[in-house]
Amino acid sequence: MSKKLDITENDLLVLALFSDGYDREYYIREVCTHLPITHGTAQTVLVRLEEKRVLASSQHGKIRLFRIKTGEISIQYFVLAEIYKKIRFMEEHPYISEMMDRISSFTRGTTLLFGSYAKGTETEESDLDVFVAGAYDEREVAKIGKMYDVEINVKAYPETAFDLKYRSDPLVCEVKKHHIVWKNAESFVREVMT
């Protein structure tokens, strides 16, 4: 007999917060300042995710710090969090989502949206910043930009862009911190968490 997966939208919100860089530690009150949840809810969610072995905590004086615990279950939960971020973005930006769907059909490898759209600071004049860990068809992407009348900036790196070799690269660090994974979420999560 299988058990139902017990995951709430608040769980996904907290995981999405930890996915900004995949390297931060947060204490309970800090989570509340970044998310629209109460102190009690934050504590409940963090403790539940720790019990599920997705997060780990350590005590520093009176402050309890939470961080990502590496392991297969964490990877799967963070894949869900990345998909959740993409769905929320798609609901809020259907026009850009349609464009990203078309662009990703001409990319091979992991495709991410970064820049102002990923940060939530976009304006009507914002261009579209796309990161591809792999290859893409430059001509087809340019056609899509003309069709939608949006400037598309694609930064292409090798498929190993999230390996140790590139960890200190400023662009890779920025993409890890503020991103929406459009294609190959599991591959991205595995690479940044190992």
N, C-alpha and C. Protein backbone atom coordinates (compact mmCIF):
# COMPACT_ATOMS: atom_id res chain seq x y z
N MET A 1 0.84 -1.17 0.00
CA MET A 1 0.00 0.00 0.00
C MET A 1 0.89 1.24 0.00
N SER A 2 0.66 2.15 -0.93
CA SER A 2 1.51 3.34 -1.03
C SER A 2 0.94 4.50 -0.24
N LYS A 3 1.85 5.31 0.25
CA LYS A 3 1.49 6.50 1.00
C LYS A 3 1.40 7.68 0.05
N LYS A 4 0.51 8.60 0.36
CA LYS A 4 0.36 9.81 -0.43
C LYS A 4 1.55 10.74 -0.18
N LEU A 5 2.01 11.40 -1.22
CA LEU A 5 3.10 12.37 -1.08
C LEU A 5 2.56 13.59 -0.35
N ASP A 6 3.15 13.91 0.79
CA ASP A 6 2.68 15.02 1.62
C ASP A 6 3.56 16.24 1.37
N ILE A 7 3.16 17.04 0.38
CA ILE A 7 3.91 18.26 0.07
C ILE A 7 2.92 19.38 -0.18
N THR A 8 3.16 20.51 0.46
CA THR A 8 2.24 21.65 0.34
C THR A 8 2.87 22.74 -0.51
N GLU A 9 2.06 23.72 -0.86
CA GLU A 9 2.60 24.86 -1.61
C GLU A 9 3.63 25.61 -0.76
N ASN A 10 3.41 25.68 0.55
CA ASN A 10 4.41 26.32 1.42
C ASN A 10 5.73 25.56 1.39
N ASP A 11 5.67 24.23 1.33
CA ASP A 11 6.90 23.44 1.20
C ASP A 11 7.65 23.84 -0.08
N LEU A 12 6.89 23.95 -1.17
CA LEU A 12 7.50 24.31 -2.45
C LEU A 12 8.06 25.72 -2.43
N LEU A 13 7.37 26.65 -1.77
CA LEU A 13 7.88 28.02 -1.64
C LEU A 13 9.21 28.03 -0.90
N VAL A 14 9.30 27.28 0.19
CA VAL A 14 10.54 27.22 0.97
C VAL A 14 11.65 26.57 0.15
N LEU A 15 11.34 25.49 -0.54
CA LEU A 15 12.35 24.83 -1.38
C LEU A 15 12.81 25.77 -2.49
N ALA A 16 11.88 26.52 -3.07
CA ALA A 16 12.24 27.48 -4.12
C ALA A 16 13.21 28.53 -3.58
N LEU A 17 13.00 28.95 -2.34
CA LEU A 17 13.92 29.90 -1.71
C LEU A 17 15.32 29.29 -1.61
N PHE A 18 15.41 28.06 -1.16
CA PHE A 18 16.71 27.39 -1.05
C PHE A 18 17.35 27.15 -2.42
N SER A 19 16.53 27.10 -3.47
CA SER A 19 17.07 26.85 -4.81
C SER A 19 17.75 28.07 -5.41
N ASP A 20 17.63 29.22 -4.76
CA ASP A 20 18.34 30.41 -5.23
C ASP A 20 19.80 30.32 -4.82
N GLY A 21 20.58 29.66 -5.64
CA GLY A 21 21.99 29.48 -5.40
C GLY A 21 22.35 28.10 -4.89
N TYR A 22 21.41 27.42 -4.27
CA TYR A 22 21.63 26.07 -3.74
C TYR A 22 22.75 26.00 -2.70
N ASP A 23 23.16 27.13 -2.15
CA ASP A 23 24.29 27.10 -1.22
C ASP A 23 24.06 27.91 0.05
N ARG A 24 22.89 28.47 0.22
CA ARG A 24 22.62 29.34 1.37
C ARG A 24 22.10 28.55 2.56
N GLU A 25 22.32 29.13 3.73
CA GLU A 25 21.71 28.65 4.96
C GLU A 25 20.72 29.73 5.40
N TYR A 26 19.59 29.30 5.92
CA TYR A 26 18.57 30.24 6.38
C TYR A 26 18.14 29.88 7.79
N TYR A 27 17.87 30.89 8.60
CA TYR A 27 17.23 30.64 9.88
C TYR A 27 15.76 30.98 9.74
N ILE A 28 14.95 30.56 10.68
CA ILE A 28 13.49 30.63 10.54
C ILE A 28 13.01 32.04 10.23
N ARG A 29 13.44 33.01 11.01
CA ARG A 29 12.97 34.38 10.81
C ARG A 29 13.36 34.91 9.43
N GLU A 30 14.52 34.51 8.94
CA GLU A 30 14.97 34.94 7.62
C GLU A 30 14.05 34.39 6.52
N VAL A 31 13.60 33.16 6.68
CA VAL A 31 12.67 32.58 5.72
C VAL A 31 11.39 33.41 5.67
N CYS A 32 10.92 33.86 6.83
CA CYS A 32 9.70 34.68 6.91
C CYS A 32 9.86 36.02 6.19
N THR A 33 11.07 36.59 6.21
CA THR A 33 11.27 37.88 5.55
C THR A 33 11.27 37.74 4.03
N HIS A 34 11.64 36.57 3.53
CA HIS A 34 11.70 36.35 2.08
C HIS A 34 10.39 35.82 1.50
N LEU A 35 9.56 35.21 2.33
CA LEU A 35 8.34 34.56 1.84
C LEU A 35 7.11 35.08 2.59
N PRO A 36 5.95 35.01 1.96
CA PRO A 36 4.72 35.48 2.62
C PRO A 36 4.13 34.42 3.56
N ILE A 37 4.93 33.97 4.53
CA ILE A 37 4.45 32.98 5.50
C ILE A 37 4.81 33.44 6.90
N THR A 38 4.08 32.95 7.88
CA THR A 38 4.32 33.33 9.27
C THR A 38 5.50 32.55 9.85
N HIS A 39 5.95 33.01 10.99
CA HIS A 39 7.05 32.35 11.70
C HIS A 39 6.70 30.90 12.02
N GLY A 40 5.49 30.68 12.51
CA GLY A 40 5.04 29.32 12.86
C GLY A 40 4.99 28.40 11.65
N THR A 41 4.48 28.92 10.54
CA THR A 41 4.42 28.13 9.31
C THR A 41 5.82 27.80 8.82
N ALA A 42 6.70 28.79 8.85
CA ALA A 42 8.09 28.56 8.40
C ALA A 42 8.74 27.48 9.24
N GLN A 43 8.56 27.54 10.55
CA GLN A 43 9.16 26.55 11.43
C GLN A 43 8.61 25.15 11.15
N THR A 44 7.30 25.06 10.98
CA THR A 44 6.66 23.77 10.69
C THR A 44 7.19 23.18 9.39
N VAL A 45 7.28 24.01 8.35
CA VAL A 45 7.74 23.55 7.04
C VAL A 45 9.21 23.11 7.11
N LEU A 46 10.05 23.93 7.72
CA LEU A 46 11.47 23.60 7.81
C LEU A 46 11.71 22.30 8.58
N VAL A 47 11.02 22.13 9.69
CA VAL A 47 11.17 20.91 10.49
C VAL A 47 10.66 19.70 9.71
N ARG A 48 9.52 19.86 9.01
CA ARG A 48 8.98 18.74 8.22
C ARG A 48 9.96 18.35 7.11
N LEU A 49 10.56 19.35 6.43
CA LEU A 49 11.52 19.04 5.37
C LEU A 49 12.80 18.42 5.93
N GLU A 50 13.14 18.77 7.16
CA GLU A 50 14.29 18.13 7.81
C GLU A 50 13.96 16.67 8.14
N GLU A 51 12.75 16.43 8.61
CA GLU A 51 12.33 15.05 8.92
C GLU A 51 12.31 14.18 7.67
N LYS A 52 12.03 14.80 6.52
CA LYS A 52 12.01 14.06 5.26
C LYS A 52 13.40 13.90 4.65
N ARG A 53 14.43 14.42 5.34
CA ARG A 53 15.82 14.35 4.91
C ARG A 53 16.12 15.20 3.68
N VAL A 54 15.34 16.24 3.48
CA VAL A 54 15.57 17.17 2.37
C VAL A 54 16.47 18.30 2.84
N LEU A 55 16.27 18.74 4.08
CA LEU A 55 17.08 19.79 4.69
C LEU A 55 17.78 19.22 5.92
N ALA A 56 18.84 19.90 6.33
CA ALA A 56 19.54 19.57 7.58
C ALA A 56 19.67 20.86 8.36
N SER A 57 19.82 20.75 9.67
CA SER A 57 19.96 21.96 10.47
C SER A 57 21.12 21.82 11.44
N SER A 58 21.59 22.98 11.88
CA SER A 58 22.62 23.01 12.92
C SER A 58 22.30 24.18 13.84
N GLN A 59 22.64 24.01 15.09
CA GLN A 59 22.35 25.01 16.11
C GLN A 59 23.59 25.90 16.30
N HIS A 60 23.40 27.21 16.24
CA HIS A 60 24.45 28.19 16.50
C HIS A 60 23.93 29.12 17.58
N GLY A 61 24.26 28.82 18.82
CA GLY A 61 23.69 29.57 19.94
C GLY A 61 22.21 29.26 20.02
N LYS A 62 21.39 30.32 19.97
CA LYS A 62 19.94 30.12 20.00
C LYS A 62 19.34 30.02 18.60
N ILE A 63 20.17 30.22 17.59
CA ILE A 63 19.68 30.24 16.21
C ILE A 63 19.88 28.87 15.56
N ARG A 64 18.83 28.39 14.91
CA ARG A 64 18.89 27.12 14.18
C ARG A 64 18.96 27.43 12.69
N LEU A 65 20.05 27.04 12.06
CA LEU A 65 20.26 27.27 10.64
C LEU A 65 19.91 26.03 9.83
N PHE A 66 19.18 26.24 8.73
CA PHE A 66 18.79 25.14 7.85
C PHE A 66 19.53 25.27 6.53
N ARG A 67 19.92 24.14 5.97
CA ARG A 67 20.60 24.09 4.68
C ARG A 67 20.13 22.84 3.93
N ILE A 68 20.47 22.77 2.67
CA ILE A 68 20.11 21.61 1.86
C ILE A 68 20.96 20.41 2.28
N LYS A 69 20.30 19.28 2.46
CA LYS A 69 21.01 18.03 2.75
C LYS A 69 21.14 17.28 1.43
N THR A 70 22.36 16.93 1.08
CA THR A 70 22.56 16.25 -0.20
C THR A 70 22.08 14.81 -0.13
N GLY A 71 21.46 14.38 -1.19
CA GLY A 71 20.96 13.01 -1.27
C GLY A 71 19.90 12.91 -2.35
N GLU A 72 19.57 11.71 -2.73
CA GLU A 72 18.61 11.48 -3.82
C GLU A 72 17.24 12.08 -3.51
N ILE A 73 16.77 11.95 -2.28
CA ILE A 73 15.45 12.50 -1.96
C ILE A 73 15.45 14.02 -2.08
N SER A 74 16.55 14.66 -1.69
CA SER A 74 16.66 16.12 -1.83
C SER A 74 16.61 16.51 -3.30
N ILE A 75 17.34 15.77 -4.12
CA ILE A 75 17.36 16.06 -5.55
C ILE A 75 15.94 16.01 -6.10
N GLN A 76 15.18 14.98 -5.76
CA GLN A 76 13.83 14.84 -6.30
C GLN A 76 12.91 15.96 -5.80
N TYR A 77 13.03 16.34 -4.54
CA TYR A 77 12.22 17.44 -4.02
C TYR A 77 12.58 18.76 -4.70
N PHE A 78 13.86 18.98 -4.97
CA PHE A 78 14.26 20.22 -5.63
C PHE A 78 13.88 20.23 -7.12
N VAL A 79 13.80 19.07 -7.74
CA VAL A 79 13.26 19.01 -9.11
C VAL A 79 11.81 19.49 -9.08
N LEU A 80 11.04 19.02 -8.08
CA LEU A 80 9.65 19.50 -7.93
C LEU A 80 9.61 21.01 -7.73
N ALA A 81 10.53 21.54 -6.92
CA ALA A 81 10.57 22.98 -6.66
C ALA A 81 10.87 23.75 -7.94
N GLU A 82 11.78 23.24 -8.76
CA GLU A 82 12.11 23.91 -10.03
C GLU A 82 10.91 23.88 -10.98
N ILE A 83 10.21 22.77 -11.02
CA ILE A 83 9.00 22.68 -11.85
C ILE A 83 7.94 23.64 -11.34
N TYR A 84 7.79 23.73 -10.03
CA TYR A 84 6.85 24.66 -9.41
C TYR A 84 7.17 26.11 -9.81
N LYS A 85 8.45 26.48 -9.77
CA LYS A 85 8.85 27.84 -10.16
C LYS A 85 8.49 28.10 -11.63
N LYS A 86 8.71 27.11 -12.47
CA LYS A 86 8.40 27.27 -13.90
C LYS A 86 6.90 27.43 -14.11
N ILE A 87 6.10 26.62 -13.43
CA ILE A 87 4.64 26.70 -13.58
C ILE A 87 4.13 28.07 -13.12
N ARG A 88 4.62 28.55 -11.98
CA ARG A 88 4.21 29.88 -11.50
C ARG A 88 4.57 30.95 -12.52
N PHE A 89 5.77 30.86 -13.09
CA PHE A 89 6.19 31.83 -14.10
C PHE A 89 5.29 31.75 -15.32
N MET A 90 4.98 30.53 -15.76
CA MET A 90 4.14 30.35 -16.95
C MET A 90 2.75 30.96 -16.74
N GLU A 91 2.21 30.83 -15.54
CA GLU A 91 0.90 31.41 -15.25
C GLU A 91 0.94 32.93 -15.24
N GLU A 92 2.05 33.50 -14.76
CA GLU A 92 2.17 34.96 -14.67
C GLU A 92 2.62 35.61 -15.98
N HIS A 93 3.33 34.87 -16.83
CA HIS A 93 3.89 35.42 -18.07
C HIS A 93 3.61 34.50 -19.26
N PRO A 94 2.36 34.37 -19.68
CA PRO A 94 2.06 33.43 -20.77
C PRO A 94 2.76 33.77 -22.09
N TYR A 95 2.93 35.06 -22.39
CA TYR A 95 3.57 35.49 -23.64
C TYR A 95 5.04 35.04 -23.66
N ILE A 96 5.76 35.31 -22.58
CA ILE A 96 7.17 34.94 -22.48
C ILE A 96 7.30 33.41 -22.44
N SER A 97 6.36 32.75 -21.78
CA SER A 97 6.39 31.29 -21.70
C SER A 97 6.26 30.65 -23.07
N GLU A 98 5.39 31.21 -23.88
CA GLU A 98 5.22 30.71 -25.25
C GLU A 98 6.53 30.85 -26.02
N MET A 99 7.18 32.01 -25.85
CA MET A 99 8.47 32.24 -26.50
C MET A 99 9.53 31.25 -26.02
N MET A 100 9.59 31.05 -24.71
CA MET A 100 10.58 30.13 -24.15
C MET A 100 10.34 28.69 -24.62
N ASP A 101 9.08 28.30 -24.77
CA ASP A 101 8.77 26.97 -25.29
C ASP A 101 9.34 26.81 -26.70
N ARG A 102 9.16 27.85 -27.52
CA ARG A 102 9.68 27.79 -28.90
C ARG A 102 11.21 27.77 -28.90
N ILE A 103 11.80 28.63 -28.07
CA ILE A 103 13.27 28.68 -28.01
C ILE A 103 13.84 27.34 -27.56
N SER A 104 13.25 26.76 -26.52
CA SER A 104 13.81 25.51 -25.97
C SER A 104 13.71 24.35 -26.96
N SER A 105 12.81 24.47 -27.95
CA SER A 105 12.75 23.40 -28.96
C SER A 105 13.97 23.46 -29.89
N PHE A 106 14.72 24.57 -29.85
CA PHE A 106 15.93 24.70 -30.67
C PHE A 106 17.20 24.69 -29.82
N THR A 107 17.09 24.14 -28.60
CA THR A 107 18.27 24.00 -27.74
C THR A 107 18.51 22.53 -27.44
N ARG A 108 19.78 22.21 -27.24
CA ARG A 108 20.16 20.87 -26.79
C ARG A 108 20.93 21.05 -25.49
N GLY A 109 20.43 20.45 -24.44
CA GLY A 109 21.05 20.60 -23.13
C GLY A 109 20.10 21.33 -22.19
N THR A 110 20.62 21.75 -21.06
CA THR A 110 19.81 22.44 -20.06
C THR A 110 19.58 23.88 -20.49
N THR A 111 18.32 24.31 -20.43
CA THR A 111 17.95 25.66 -20.84
C THR A 111 17.29 26.37 -19.67
N LEU A 112 17.80 27.58 -19.36
CA LEU A 112 17.29 28.34 -18.23
C LEU A 112 16.99 29.78 -18.64
N LEU A 113 16.02 30.36 -17.99
CA LEU A 113 15.72 31.77 -18.12
C LEU A 113 16.41 32.44 -16.94
N PHE A 114 17.13 33.54 -17.18
CA PHE A 114 17.76 34.26 -16.08
C PHE A 114 17.59 35.75 -16.32
N GLY A 115 18.22 36.57 -15.53
CA GLY A 115 18.11 38.02 -15.70
C GLY A 115 16.86 38.58 -15.04
N SER A 116 16.37 39.68 -15.61
CA SER A 116 15.26 40.41 -14.98
C SER A 116 13.98 39.58 -14.86
N TYR A 117 13.69 38.73 -15.82
CA TYR A 117 12.47 37.91 -15.72
C TYR A 117 12.58 36.89 -14.58
N ALA A 118 13.74 36.31 -14.40
CA ALA A 118 13.92 35.34 -13.31
C ALA A 118 13.92 36.03 -11.95
N LYS A 119 14.38 37.27 -11.91
CA LYS A 119 14.40 38.03 -10.65
C LYS A 119 13.05 38.65 -10.34
N GLY A 120 12.18 38.75 -11.34
CA GLY A 120 10.89 39.40 -11.14
C GLY A 120 10.98 40.91 -11.22
N THR A 121 12.02 41.44 -11.88
CA THR A 121 12.20 42.89 -11.99
C THR A 121 12.05 43.38 -13.42
N GLU A 122 11.41 42.60 -14.27
CA GLU A 122 11.30 42.93 -15.68
C GLU A 122 10.40 44.15 -15.90
N THR A 123 10.64 44.84 -17.02
CA THR A 123 9.78 45.93 -17.48
C THR A 123 9.32 45.58 -18.89
N GLU A 124 8.51 46.44 -19.48
CA GLU A 124 8.03 46.17 -20.85
C GLU A 124 9.18 46.18 -21.85
N GLU A 125 10.25 46.91 -21.55
CA GLU A 125 11.40 47.00 -22.46
C GLU A 125 12.45 45.92 -22.20
N SER A 126 12.23 45.06 -21.22
CA SER A 126 13.23 44.05 -20.87
C SER A 126 13.49 43.08 -22.01
N ASP A 127 14.76 42.73 -22.15
CA ASP A 127 15.10 41.69 -23.11
C ASP A 127 14.98 40.34 -22.41
N LEU A 128 15.13 39.29 -23.18
CA LEU A 128 14.99 37.93 -22.65
C LEU A 128 16.38 37.31 -22.56
N ASP A 129 16.80 36.96 -21.36
CA ASP A 129 18.12 36.36 -21.15
C ASP A 129 17.96 34.86 -20.98
N VAL A 130 18.60 34.11 -21.86
CA VAL A 130 18.50 32.65 -21.87
C VAL A 130 19.90 32.07 -21.72
N PHE A 131 20.03 31.10 -20.83
CA PHE A 131 21.30 30.40 -20.61
C PHE A 131 21.13 28.97 -21.10
N VAL A 132 22.05 28.54 -21.95
CA VAL A 132 22.00 27.17 -22.47
C VAL A 132 23.31 26.46 -22.10
N ALA A 133 23.19 25.40 -21.33
CA ALA A 133 24.34 24.55 -21.04
C ALA A 133 24.29 23.45 -22.09
N GLY A 134 24.86 23.74 -23.24
CA GLY A 134 24.78 22.85 -24.39
C GLY A 134 24.89 23.68 -25.66
N ALA A 135 24.02 23.43 -26.62
CA ALA A 135 24.06 24.13 -27.90
C ALA A 135 22.67 24.61 -28.27
N TYR A 136 22.62 25.54 -29.23
CA TYR A 136 21.33 26.04 -29.71
C TYR A 136 21.47 26.48 -31.16
N ASP A 137 20.34 26.59 -31.84
CA ASP A 137 20.30 27.02 -33.23
C ASP A 137 20.13 28.54 -33.25
N GLU A 138 21.22 29.23 -33.48
CA GLU A 138 21.25 30.70 -33.41
C GLU A 138 20.25 31.34 -34.38
N ARG A 139 20.18 30.82 -35.59
CA ARG A 139 19.28 31.38 -36.61
C ARG A 139 17.82 31.26 -36.21
N GLU A 140 17.43 30.09 -35.72
CA GLU A 140 16.03 29.88 -35.33
C GLU A 140 15.64 30.75 -34.13
N VAL A 141 16.55 30.89 -33.18
CA VAL A 141 16.27 31.73 -32.01
C VAL A 141 16.12 33.19 -32.44
N ALA A 142 16.95 33.64 -33.39
CA ALA A 142 16.84 35.01 -33.90
C ALA A 142 15.48 35.22 -34.58
N LYS A 143 15.01 34.21 -35.32
CA LYS A 143 13.68 34.30 -35.97
C LYS A 143 12.58 34.46 -34.92
N ILE A 144 12.69 33.71 -33.83
CA ILE A 144 11.69 33.78 -32.76
C ILE A 144 11.69 35.18 -32.15
N GLY A 145 12.88 35.75 -31.94
CA GLY A 145 12.97 37.11 -31.41
C GLY A 145 12.29 38.12 -32.31
N LYS A 146 12.49 37.99 -33.63
CA LYS A 146 11.85 38.90 -34.58
C LYS A 146 10.34 38.69 -34.60
N MET A 147 9.91 37.43 -34.55
CA MET A 147 8.48 37.12 -34.57
C MET A 147 7.76 37.76 -33.38
N TYR A 148 8.38 37.72 -32.21
CA TYR A 148 7.75 38.26 -30.99
C TYR A 148 8.18 39.70 -30.70
N ASP A 149 9.08 40.23 -31.51
CA ASP A 149 9.60 41.59 -31.33
C ASP A 149 10.21 41.78 -29.94
N VAL A 150 11.02 40.80 -29.55
CA VAL A 150 11.72 40.84 -28.26
C VAL A 150 13.18 40.50 -28.50
N GLU A 151 14.06 41.28 -27.89
CA GLU A 151 15.49 40.98 -28.01
C GLU A 151 15.81 39.78 -27.13
N ILE A 152 16.41 38.76 -27.73
CA ILE A 152 16.76 37.54 -27.01
C ILE A 152 18.28 37.44 -26.94
N ASN A 153 18.79 37.39 -25.73
CA ASN A 153 20.23 37.22 -25.51
C ASN A 153 20.48 35.81 -25.00
N VAL A 154 21.19 35.03 -25.78
CA VAL A 154 21.48 33.65 -25.39
C VAL A 154 22.96 33.55 -25.01
N LYS A 155 23.20 33.01 -23.84
CA LYS A 155 24.57 32.73 -23.40
C LYS A 155 24.72 31.21 -23.41
N ALA A 156 25.60 30.73 -24.27
CA ALA A 156 25.79 29.28 -24.39
C ALA A 156 27.12 28.88 -23.75
N TYR A 157 27.06 27.88 -22.92
CA TYR A 157 28.23 27.31 -22.25
C TYR A 157 28.24 25.82 -22.58
N PRO A 158 29.35 25.14 -22.32
CA PRO A 158 29.35 23.69 -22.53
C PRO A 158 28.34 23.01 -21.61
N GLU A 159 27.98 21.79 -21.92
CA GLU A 159 27.02 21.04 -21.09
C GLU A 159 27.50 20.89 -19.66
N THR A 160 28.79 21.03 -19.44
CA THR A 160 29.37 20.90 -18.10
C THR A 160 29.43 22.24 -17.37
N ALA A 161 28.61 23.19 -17.75
CA ALA A 161 28.65 24.55 -17.20
C ALA A 161 28.48 24.62 -15.69
N PHE A 162 27.84 23.63 -15.10
CA PHE A 162 27.60 23.68 -13.65
C PHE A 162 28.55 22.76 -12.88
N ASP A 163 29.58 22.26 -13.57
CA ASP A 163 30.61 21.46 -12.90
C ASP A 163 31.55 22.37 -12.12
N LEU A 164 32.44 21.77 -11.35
CA LEU A 164 33.39 22.52 -10.53
C LEU A 164 34.22 23.52 -11.33
N LYS A 165 34.56 23.18 -12.56
CA LYS A 165 35.40 24.04 -13.40
C LYS A 165 34.81 25.44 -13.56
N TYR A 166 33.50 25.54 -13.63
CA TYR A 166 32.84 26.82 -13.87
C TYR A 166 32.19 27.42 -12.63
N ARG A 167 32.34 26.80 -11.47
CA ARG A 167 31.64 27.25 -10.26
C ARG A 167 31.93 28.70 -9.90
N SER A 168 33.12 29.21 -10.23
CA SER A 168 33.45 30.59 -9.87
C SER A 168 33.17 31.57 -11.00
N ASP A 169 32.71 31.09 -12.14
CA ASP A 169 32.37 31.97 -13.25
C ASP A 169 31.22 32.89 -12.84
N PRO A 170 31.37 34.21 -12.98
CA PRO A 170 30.33 35.15 -12.53
C PRO A 170 28.95 34.90 -13.16
N LEU A 171 28.92 34.59 -14.45
CA LEU A 171 27.63 34.36 -15.10
C LEU A 171 26.98 33.08 -14.58
N VAL A 172 27.76 32.02 -14.43
CA VAL A 172 27.22 30.76 -13.91
C VAL A 172 26.69 30.97 -12.49
N CYS A 173 27.42 31.74 -11.68
CA CYS A 173 26.97 32.04 -10.31
C CYS A 173 25.65 32.80 -10.33
N GLU A 174 25.53 33.78 -11.24
CA GLU A 174 24.30 34.56 -11.35
C GLU A 174 23.13 33.68 -11.80
N VAL A 175 23.38 32.80 -12.76
CA VAL A 175 22.33 31.91 -13.26
C VAL A 175 21.88 30.94 -12.16
N LYS A 176 22.83 30.42 -11.39
CA LYS A 176 22.48 29.52 -10.28
C LYS A 176 21.61 30.23 -9.25
N LYS A 177 21.88 31.52 -9.03
CA LYS A 177 21.16 32.26 -7.99
C LYS A 177 19.75 32.65 -8.45
N HIS A 178 19.63 33.17 -9.66
CA HIS A 178 18.32 33.65 -10.16
C HIS A 178 18.03 32.96 -11.48
N HIS A 179 17.18 31.97 -11.46
CA HIS A 179 16.91 31.20 -12.67
C HIS A 179 15.51 30.59 -12.65
N ILE A 180 15.07 30.24 -13.83
CA ILE A 180 13.90 29.38 -13.99
C ILE A 180 14.32 28.34 -15.02
N VAL A 181 14.34 27.09 -14.60
CA VAL A 181 14.78 26.02 -15.50
C VAL A 181 13.66 25.73 -16.48
N TRP A 182 13.97 25.82 -17.76
CA TRP A 182 12.96 25.58 -18.78
C TRP A 182 13.06 24.18 -19.36
N LYS A 183 14.25 23.63 -19.37
CA LYS A 183 14.44 22.31 -19.98
C LYS A 183 15.52 21.57 -19.20
N ASN A 184 15.26 20.31 -18.89
CA ASN A 184 16.19 19.42 -18.18
C ASN A 184 16.39 19.81 -16.72
N ALA A 185 15.30 19.98 -16.00
CA ALA A 185 15.36 20.38 -14.59
C ALA A 185 16.15 19.37 -13.75
N GLU A 186 15.90 18.09 -13.95
CA GLU A 186 16.59 17.10 -13.12
C GLU A 186 18.10 17.12 -13.35
N SER A 187 18.50 17.26 -14.59
CA SER A 187 19.93 17.33 -14.90
C SER A 187 20.56 18.54 -14.22
N PHE A 188 19.88 19.69 -14.28
CA PHE A 188 20.38 20.91 -13.64
C PHE A 188 20.53 20.72 -12.13
N VAL A 189 19.48 20.21 -11.49
CA VAL A 189 19.50 20.03 -10.04
C VAL A 189 20.61 19.08 -9.63
N ARG A 190 20.76 17.98 -10.36
CA ARG A 190 21.82 17.02 -10.03
C ARG A 190 23.20 17.67 -10.11
N GLU A 191 23.41 18.48 -11.14
CA GLU A 191 24.73 19.10 -11.31
C GLU A 191 25.02 20.14 -10.24
N VAL A 192 24.05 20.96 -9.87
CA VAL A 192 24.34 22.01 -8.88
C VAL A 192 24.38 21.47 -7.46
N MET A 193 23.77 20.32 -7.21
CA MET A 193 23.75 19.78 -5.85
C MET A 193 24.90 18.80 -5.58
N THR A 194 25.69 18.47 -6.60
CA THR A 194 26.80 17.53 -6.37
C THR A 194 28.13 18.24 -6.40
